């Protein structure tokens, strides 16, 4: 499974960006798709995840500002980020989890999001 993300960039505080991630390869069902981020000097953290059944989870810090959505037929997941803040600056990673007795985790290469104040 390969993941390819796009949509990062530089935006002013209060602005919006949309990240997209597409999965390709030998895929039957991706159980969970999600976005994580890692700021300089910090650990990678969950931003938002969505299951194949549509259950969504957000980090408290992005609740109400970010919206995650997925297209099961196309194996894509998007992250609409509104009201961006400087503290949202990070490298954003797409993650796919496939459960087949064991859980298999795949990461995309990351895309930079920079929010200027």
Protein backbone atom coordinates (compact mmCIF):
# COMPACT_ATOMS: atom_id res chain seq x y z
CA UNK A 1 0.00 0.00 0.00
CA UNK A 2 1.35 3.40 -0.97
CA UNK A 3 0.05 6.71 0.33
CA UNK A 4 0.48 10.01 -1.41
CA UNK A 5 -0.50 13.27 0.23
CA UNK A 6 -0.91 16.71 -1.26
CA UNK A 7 -2.22 20.14 -0.37
CA UNK A 8 0.23 21.49 2.17
CA UNK A 9 1.64 24.97 1.97
CA UNK A 10 1.99 28.36 3.61
CA UNK A 11 -1.05 30.25 4.86
CA UNK A 12 -1.72 33.16 7.18
CA UNK A 13 -3.38 32.65 10.53
CA UNK A 14 -7.13 32.39 10.10
CA UNK A 15 -6.79 30.91 6.64
CA UNK A 16 -7.67 27.51 5.26
CA UNK A 17 -5.94 24.59 3.60
CA UNK A 18 -7.16 21.24 2.36
CA UNK A 19 -5.00 18.14 2.51
CA UNK A 20 -5.71 15.09 0.39
CA UNK A 21 -4.30 11.58 0.62
CA UNK A 22 -4.75 8.76 -1.86
CA UNK A 23 -3.96 5.12 -1.17
CA UNK A 24 -2.93 2.75 -3.92
CA UNK A 25 -1.79 -0.83 -4.17
CA UNK A 26 -3.35 -4.11 -3.14
CA UNK A 27 -6.18 -2.86 -1.00
CA UNK A 28 -9.35 -4.62 0.05
CA UNK A 29 -10.57 -2.44 2.87
CA UNK A 30 -8.68 0.21 4.77
CA UNK A 31 -10.12 0.04 8.26
CA UNK A 32 -8.88 3.42 9.44
CA UNK A 33 -7.58 6.44 7.55
CA UNK A 34 -6.23 9.38 9.40
CA UNK A 35 -4.03 12.42 9.65
CA UNK A 36 -1.26 12.94 12.14
CA UNK A 37 1.19 15.79 12.52
CA UNK A 38 4.62 16.41 13.94
CA UNK A 39 5.91 19.85 14.84
CA UNK A 40 9.64 20.52 15.30
CA UNK A 41 10.87 19.10 18.59
CA UNK A 42 7.56 17.40 19.34
CA UNK A 43 6.18 13.90 19.03
CA UNK A 44 3.87 12.91 16.26
CA UNK A 45 0.25 13.38 17.33
CA UNK A 46 -3.17 12.41 16.10
CA UNK A 47 -5.13 15.07 14.25
CA UNK A 48 -8.15 13.14 13.02
CA UNK A 49 -9.15 9.63 12.01
CA UNK A 50 -12.11 8.09 10.23
CA UNK A 51 -13.06 4.42 10.05
CA UNK A 52 -14.49 2.64 7.04
CA UNK A 53 -17.82 2.79 8.81
CA UNK A 54 -17.64 6.54 9.22
CA UNK A 55 -16.66 6.88 12.89
CA UNK A 56 -14.62 10.05 13.30
CA UNK A 57 -12.23 11.15 16.01
CA UNK A 58 -10.57 14.56 16.36
CA UNK A 59 -7.86 15.89 18.58
CA UNK A 60 -9.26 18.42 21.02
CA UNK A 61 -7.01 21.09 19.56
CA UNK A 62 -8.62 20.87 16.10
CA UNK A 63 -12.22 20.03 17.01
CA UNK A 64 -14.56 22.47 15.32
CA UNK A 65 -11.89 23.79 12.94
CA UNK A 66 -10.84 20.72 10.96
CA UNK A 67 -13.05 18.28 9.07
CA UNK A 68 -11.96 14.84 7.94
CA UNK A 69 -13.72 12.96 5.16
CA UNK A 70 -13.06 9.79 3.20
CA UNK A 71 -14.17 8.15 0.00
CA UNK A 72 -14.11 4.40 0.48
CA UNK A 73 -14.50 3.67 -3.23
CA UNK A 74 -11.49 5.81 -4.14
CA UNK A 75 -9.47 5.07 -0.97
CA UNK A 76 -8.91 8.74 -0.31
CA UNK A 77 -9.06 10.84 2.81
CA UNK A 78 -9.19 14.62 2.97
CA UNK A 79 -8.61 17.07 5.79
CA UNK A 80 -10.23 20.48 5.51
CA UNK A 81 -8.43 22.84 7.86
CA UNK A 82 -10.09 26.15 8.68
CA UNK A 83 -9.22 28.93 11.12
CA UNK A 84 -5.62 27.84 11.06
CA UNK A 85 -3.31 28.94 13.86
CA UNK A 86 0.47 29.21 14.04
CA UNK A 87 0.47 26.23 16.40
CA UNK A 88 -0.96 24.10 13.58
CA UNK A 89 2.39 24.40 11.82
CA UNK A 90 3.77 20.90 11.35
CA UNK A 91 4.46 18.15 8.89
CA UNK A 92 1.18 16.34 8.31
CA UNK A 93 1.19 12.60 7.66
CA UNK A 94 -1.50 10.40 6.23
CA UNK A 95 -1.88 7.00 7.88
CA UNK A 96 -3.73 3.89 6.80
CA UNK A 97 -4.48 0.94 9.06
CA UNK A 98 -5.56 -2.40 7.62
CA UNK A 99 -6.65 -5.14 9.98
CA UNK A 100 -6.26 -8.73 8.78
CA UNK A 101 -5.86 -10.71 12.00
CA UNK A 102 -2.92 -8.38 12.67
CA UNK A 103 -2.92 -4.64 12.08
CA UNK A 104 -0.82 -3.30 9.23
CA UNK A 105 0.08 0.37 9.36
CA UNK A 106 1.18 2.49 6.42
CA UNK A 107 2.41 6.08 6.46
CA UNK A 108 2.57 8.65 3.71
CA UNK A 109 5.70 10.79 3.23
CA UNK A 110 4.27 13.90 4.90
CA UNK A 111 3.36 17.34 3.69
CA UNK A 112 4.42 20.62 5.29
CA UNK A 113 1.81 23.02 6.63
CA UNK A 114 3.07 26.41 7.78
CA UNK A 115 0.80 28.99 9.37
CA UNK A 116 2.23 32.47 9.73
CA UNK A 117 1.07 34.90 12.40
